[in-house]
Protein backbone atom coordinates (compact mmCIF):
# COMPACT_ATOMS: atom_id res chain seq x y z
CA MET A 1 125.66 150.37 110.75
CA ARG A 2 126.15 151.93 107.36
CA LYS A 3 128.85 154.58 107.24
CA ILE A 4 132.26 154.24 108.87
CA ILE A 5 135.16 156.69 109.07
CA LEU A 6 138.47 154.83 109.17
CA ALA A 7 141.33 157.07 110.31
CA SER A 8 144.50 156.27 108.43
CA ASP A 9 147.95 157.82 108.74
CA GLY A 10 149.87 154.90 107.25
CA SER A 11 151.18 153.72 110.62
CA ASN A 12 151.19 150.13 111.83
CA HIS A 13 148.53 150.99 114.40
CA ALA A 14 146.29 152.44 111.70
CA ASP A 15 146.78 149.32 109.57
CA GLU A 16 145.90 147.19 112.60
CA ALA A 17 142.64 149.12 112.97
CA ALA A 18 141.84 148.60 109.28
CA TRP A 19 142.59 144.88 109.55
CA PHE A 20 140.32 144.54 112.59
CA LEU A 21 137.48 146.34 110.81
CA SER A 22 137.92 144.23 107.67
CA HIS A 23 137.35 141.06 109.70
CA LEU A 24 133.98 142.09 111.13
CA VAL A 25 131.27 140.10 109.36
CA HIS A 26 128.19 142.16 108.49
CA ASP A 27 124.92 141.63 106.65
CA GLU A 28 124.32 145.12 105.31
CA PRO A 29 126.61 146.92 102.84
CA LEU A 30 129.01 149.35 104.46
CA GLU A 31 130.49 152.58 103.18
CA ILE A 32 134.01 153.02 104.52
CA ILE A 33 135.67 156.40 104.18
CA VAL A 34 139.42 156.11 104.67
CA CYS A 35 140.28 159.54 106.01
CA THR A 36 143.85 160.81 106.08
CA VAL A 37 144.63 164.19 107.58
CA LEU A 38 147.76 165.92 106.32
CA THR A 39 149.51 168.09 108.90
CA ARG A 40 151.40 171.25 108.12
CA ASN A 41 155.02 171.35 109.18
CA PRO A 42 155.21 173.84 112.08
CA ASN A 43 158.72 174.82 110.97
CA LEU A 44 157.38 175.98 107.60
CA ARG A 45 155.28 179.04 108.38
CA ASP A 46 154.47 179.92 104.77
CA ASP A 47 152.28 177.29 103.09
CA THR A 48 153.08 178.67 99.66
CA THR A 49 156.81 177.93 99.76
CA SER A 50 158.20 175.08 97.71
CA ASP A 51 159.31 173.28 100.89
CA ALA A 52 155.80 173.42 102.35
CA ILE A 53 154.21 172.27 99.08
CA ASN A 54 156.72 169.44 98.71
CA ASP A 55 156.05 168.35 102.28
CA LEU A 56 152.31 168.09 101.66
CA ASN A 57 152.95 166.31 98.36
CA ARG A 58 155.07 163.72 100.16
CA GLN A 59 152.31 163.20 102.72
CA THR A 60 149.76 162.86 99.92
CA GLU A 61 151.84 160.16 98.22
CA HIS A 62 152.20 158.38 101.54
CA ALA A 63 148.42 158.57 102.02
CA SER A 64 147.81 157.09 98.57
CA ARG A 65 150.05 154.11 99.31
CA ALA A 66 148.34 153.61 102.65
CA PHE A 67 144.91 153.73 100.99
CA ASP A 68 145.91 151.10 98.44
CA ARG A 69 147.07 148.87 101.27
CA VAL A 70 143.92 149.40 103.33
CA SER A 71 141.45 149.07 100.45
CA GLY A 72 143.07 145.75 99.55
CA MET A 73 142.02 144.40 102.95
CA PHE A 74 138.36 144.75 101.93
CA THR A 75 138.63 143.01 98.56
CA GLY A 76 135.57 140.81 98.03
CA ALA A 77 133.67 142.28 100.99
CA ASN A 78 130.26 143.92 100.74
CA VAL A 79 131.72 147.39 101.22
CA THR A 80 132.39 150.57 99.27
CA VAL A 81 135.78 152.05 100.11
CA ARG A 82 136.78 155.57 99.20
CA GLN A 83 139.55 157.93 100.20
CA LEU A 84 139.22 161.35 101.77
CA VAL A 85 142.27 163.57 102.29
CA ARG A 86 142.14 166.76 104.32
CA VAL A 87 144.66 169.19 105.79
CA GLY A 88 144.48 170.33 109.40
CA ARG A 89 144.53 169.11 112.97
CA PRO A 90 143.71 165.37 112.80
CA GLN A 91 141.36 165.36 115.81
CA ASP A 92 139.28 168.29 114.62
CA VAL A 93 139.13 167.18 110.99
CA LEU A 94 138.05 163.61 111.80
CA ILE A 95 135.30 164.84 114.13
CA GLU A 96 134.10 167.33 111.52
CA VAL A 97 134.12 164.76 108.73
CA ALA A 98 132.18 162.25 110.84
CA ARG A 99 129.63 164.90 111.77
CA ASN A 100 129.19 166.22 108.23
CA LEU A 101 128.84 162.75 106.74
CA ARG A 102 126.65 161.60 109.64
CA ALA A 103 128.85 158.60 110.21
CA ASP A 104 127.80 155.72 112.44
CA LEU A 105 131.28 154.80 113.60
CA ILE A 106 134.84 156.14 113.71
CA VAL A 107 137.62 153.54 113.77
CA ALA A 108 141.18 154.48 114.71
CA GLY A 109 144.35 152.92 116.02
CA ALA A 110 145.32 153.70 119.61
CA VAL A 111 148.61 155.30 118.53
CA GLY A 112 149.57 156.97 115.26
CA HIS A 113 152.62 158.86 114.09
CA SER A 114 151.28 162.35 113.45
CA ARG A 115 153.21 165.40 114.60
CA ILE A 116 150.62 166.20 117.28
CA THR A 117 151.97 165.77 120.81
CA ARG A 118 150.56 162.57 122.30
CA MET A 119 148.93 162.12 125.69
CA LEU A 120 148.93 158.84 127.60
CA LEU A 121 146.55 157.18 125.17
CA GLY A 122 147.48 159.23 122.14
CA SER A 123 145.89 162.63 121.62
CA THR A 124 143.98 161.81 118.42
CA SER A 125 142.41 158.62 119.79
CA ASP A 126 141.60 160.20 123.12
CA TYR A 127 140.01 163.25 121.50
CA LEU A 128 137.94 161.15 119.11
CA ALA A 129 136.61 158.96 121.87
CA THR A 130 135.75 161.96 124.02
CA HIS A 131 134.23 164.35 121.48
CA ALA A 132 132.70 162.29 118.66
CA ASP A 133 128.90 162.32 118.34
CA CYS A 134 128.88 158.78 116.96
CA SER A 135 130.28 155.50 118.20
CA VAL A 136 134.04 155.11 118.32
CA LEU A 137 136.20 152.00 118.04
CA ILE A 138 139.79 152.42 119.22
CA VAL A 139 141.88 149.43 118.16
CA ARG A 140 144.82 148.09 120.15
CA PRO A 141 146.79 145.05 118.93
CA THR A 142 146.28 141.94 121.06
CA GLY A 143 148.05 139.38 118.91
CA LEU A 144 144.80 138.42 117.20
CA ARG A 145 146.13 139.26 113.76
CA SER A 146 149.20 137.06 114.02
CA GLY A 147 147.63 134.30 116.11
CA ASP A 148 145.29 131.54 115.06
CA ARG A 149 142.58 131.92 117.69
CA PRO A 150 138.99 133.15 117.96
CA LEU A 151 137.97 136.64 119.04
CA ARG A 152 137.17 137.31 122.71
CA ILE A 153 134.78 140.15 123.60
CA ALA A 154 133.71 141.66 126.91
CA VAL A 155 130.50 143.73 127.04
CA GLY A 156 129.68 145.93 129.99
CA TYR A 157 126.01 145.33 130.73
CA ASP A 158 123.38 146.51 133.17
CA GLU A 159 119.67 147.24 132.78
CA THR A 160 120.09 150.83 131.58
CA GLY A 161 119.37 152.20 128.11
CA PRO A 162 123.03 152.75 127.10
CA ALA A 163 123.95 149.16 127.98
CA GLN A 164 121.05 147.81 125.95
CA ALA A 165 122.08 150.16 123.15
CA ALA A 166 125.59 148.67 123.23
CA VAL A 167 124.12 145.20 122.82
CA GLU A 168 121.96 146.40 119.92
CA GLU A 169 124.98 147.88 118.15
CA LEU A 170 127.01 144.73 118.78
CA ALA A 171 124.23 142.79 117.05
CA ASP A 172 124.87 144.71 113.81
CA PHE A 173 127.68 142.23 113.14
CA ARG A 174 127.69 138.45 112.92
CA TRP A 175 130.38 137.31 115.36
CA GLY A 176 129.97 133.59 114.71
CA ALA A 177 130.16 130.51 116.91
CA ASN A 178 133.90 130.77 117.44
CA THR A 179 133.77 134.25 118.99
CA THR A 180 133.31 134.32 122.76
CA VAL A 181 131.09 137.17 123.99
CA ASN A 182 131.09 137.82 127.75
CA LEU A 183 128.27 139.92 129.22
CA LEU A 184 129.65 141.53 132.38
CA THR A 185 127.62 143.12 135.17
CA ALA A 186 129.43 144.67 138.13
CA VAL A 187 127.73 144.53 141.52
CA PRO A 188 129.01 146.43 144.56
CA LEU A 189 130.73 144.59 147.38
CA HIS A 190 128.34 146.13 149.90
CA ALA A 191 124.68 146.18 148.89
CA ASP A 192 122.44 149.18 149.59
CA ALA A 193 118.68 149.59 149.66
CA SER A 194 118.45 149.27 145.87
CA PHE A 195 119.57 145.67 146.20
CA LEU A 196 116.72 144.63 148.47
CA PRO A 197 114.27 142.07 147.06
CA VAL A 198 111.59 143.47 144.76
CA ASP A 199 108.44 141.43 144.21
CA GLY A 200 110.22 138.52 145.85
CA GLN A 201 113.19 138.70 143.47
CA THR A 202 116.68 139.68 144.57
CA HIS A 203 118.89 142.05 142.57
CA THR A 204 121.20 139.18 141.63
CA GLU A 205 118.28 137.16 140.36
CA ARG A 206 117.03 140.13 138.32
CA VAL A 207 120.45 140.68 136.78
CA LYS A 208 120.86 137.01 135.92
CA GLU A 209 117.43 137.05 134.28
CA ALA A 210 118.34 140.18 132.30
CA ILE A 211 121.63 138.64 131.13
CA GLU A 212 119.83 135.47 130.03
CA SER A 213 117.39 137.62 128.05
CA VAL A 214 120.27 139.37 126.27
CA ARG A 215 121.92 136.04 125.50
CA GLU A 216 118.76 135.01 123.71
CA GLN A 217 118.58 138.39 121.97
CA ILE A 218 122.01 138.03 120.34
CA ARG A 219 122.17 134.27 120.02
CA CYS A 220 121.72 134.41 116.24
CA VAL A 221 124.86 136.59 115.81
CA ALA A 222 126.87 135.43 118.83
CA PRO A 223 125.81 131.93 119.90
CA ASN A 224 128.79 131.54 122.25
CA THR A 225 127.71 134.14 124.83
CA ASN A 226 128.32 133.90 128.57
CA GLY A 227 127.18 136.02 131.51
CA TYR A 228 129.16 137.01 134.60
CA LEU A 229 128.46 138.93 137.80
CA LEU A 230 131.59 140.75 138.97
CA GLU A 231 131.86 141.96 142.55
CA ASN A 232 133.54 145.33 142.34
CA ASN A 233 132.60 148.83 143.48
CA HIS A 234 134.13 150.32 140.32
CA VAL A 235 132.50 149.19 137.06
CA GLY A 236 135.42 150.28 134.88
CA ASP A 237 137.92 148.45 137.06
CA ALA A 238 135.78 145.30 136.91
CA LEU A 239 135.68 145.41 133.10
CA VAL A 240 139.41 146.06 132.75
CA ASN A 241 140.36 143.32 135.21
CA PHE A 242 138.18 140.80 133.40
CA ALA A 243 139.66 141.80 130.05
CA GLU A 244 143.17 141.33 131.41
CA VAL A 245 142.54 137.97 133.07
CA HIS A 246 140.60 136.53 130.13
CA GLN A 247 142.83 138.13 127.48
CA CYS A 248 139.96 139.81 125.68
CA ASP A 249 140.46 141.48 122.32
CA LEU A 250 137.60 143.96 122.63
CA VAL A 251 135.63 145.69 125.38
CA VAL A 252 132.26 147.22 124.46
CA VAL A 253 130.69 149.92 126.64
CA GLY A 254 127.58 152.03 126.10
CA GLU A 255 127.50 155.75 126.78
CA THR A 256 124.74 158.31 127.19
CA GLN A 257 124.52 161.64 125.42
CA ARG A 258 126.60 164.36 127.02
CA SER A 259 126.53 168.11 127.39
CA THR A 260 129.52 170.19 126.30
CA LEU A 261 130.98 169.81 129.79
CA GLY A 262 130.17 166.13 129.76
CA ARG A 263 132.02 165.72 126.49
CA PHE A 264 135.09 167.20 128.11
CA LEU A 265 134.89 165.02 131.19
CA MET A 266 133.38 161.93 129.52
CA GLY A 267 131.74 159.16 131.49
CA SER A 268 134.03 157.74 134.13
CA VAL A 269 133.49 154.14 133.04
CA SER A 270 134.15 154.80 129.35
CA ARG A 271 137.20 156.91 130.02
CA PHE A 272 138.64 154.48 132.56
CA VAL A 273 138.19 151.51 130.22
CA LEU A 274 139.59 153.47 127.28
CA ARG A 275 142.73 154.39 129.16
CA HIS A 276 143.35 151.15 131.03
CA ALA A 277 142.03 148.24 128.97
CA PRO A 278 144.78 146.16 127.33
CA CYS A 279 142.69 145.68 124.21
CA SER A 280 140.44 147.47 121.73
CA VAL A 281 137.56 149.53 123.11
CA TRP A 282 134.22 150.19 121.40
CA ILE A 283 132.23 153.08 122.87
CA THR A 284 128.67 152.92 121.51
CA ARG A 285 126.55 156.05 121.18
CA ASN A 286 124.23 155.48 118.21
CA ARG A 287 121.30 154.08 120.19
CA MET A 288 122.10 155.67 123.48
CA LEU A 289 119.13 157.36 125.08
CA HIS A 290 116.73 154.54 125.81
CA GLY A 291 118.24 151.47 124.21
CA ILE A 292 116.55 152.07 120.84
CA LYS A 293 115.85 148.81 119.13
CA LYS A 294 117.76 147.82 116.04
CA THR A 295 114.72 148.03 113.78
CA GLU A 296 113.87 151.52 115.07
CA SER A 297 117.40 152.74 114.57
CA HIS A 298 117.50 151.43 111.02
CA SER A 299 114.20 153.11 110.31
CA GLU A 300 115.60 156.42 111.54
CA SER A 301 118.67 156.01 109.34
CA THR A 302 116.55 155.77 106.21
CA HIS A 303 115.13 159.23 106.94
CA ARG A 304 118.46 160.98 107.41
């Protein structure tokens, strides 16, 4: 992962997202663009009036202070941090910036303090997660910042390309021996024909074998990795319940490419987890079609 858009509006939730990102250990240098979107005051119809200009100036000063605070979190890290300030609707601007810069990841807090009317999750976060072409990390505080404890991660896994892609993207960072990574596979309560033995091997045996293979795949970056089979007819519900019971800090889910309609609806699992998980959610899309291997993805990036 090379280029990251970090949404910043100066709020505590935005600072929490920046802190979380600053604590991810990575091998390759990262370019982090701290993007702040100034919003026009709807009560000031004329942008050329002194009140409107003063309002934007105040927001600009606030953005500068926020950038100084955020950039300080990355002192000594192998990153390049720069500021980008735009005016407009935060959702649209962040998506456009990420697309134009061909970003690998957008990071945002679950709730900000912009003037845009919020939905249940927060309109900016929800829109980013639904419409972005790249991966999106929505950060929710879990007490990790103030507590002295290791990170706990849950990864939704099956044998599909998007799930493998999520594992590949997770492997871009070195999580360390203290971080607990849980590979979760949901199996239905009532098996159908697809769960009949194949070549003498049951579905459960195949899944366990696949999980063990993934554990070996990421052992060098996450040596403390466990695998679980969760009996639940709803994959999203299984992931959320596990995250709640085990007090996870992050849930990672892979997602396939979507049509325009699909972008509006979004995958049921991703959307369910995003709206119901009590922790941060990482929706991976960078290697989504067939579980493109890390080396292949990096090779593609060099030809962008």
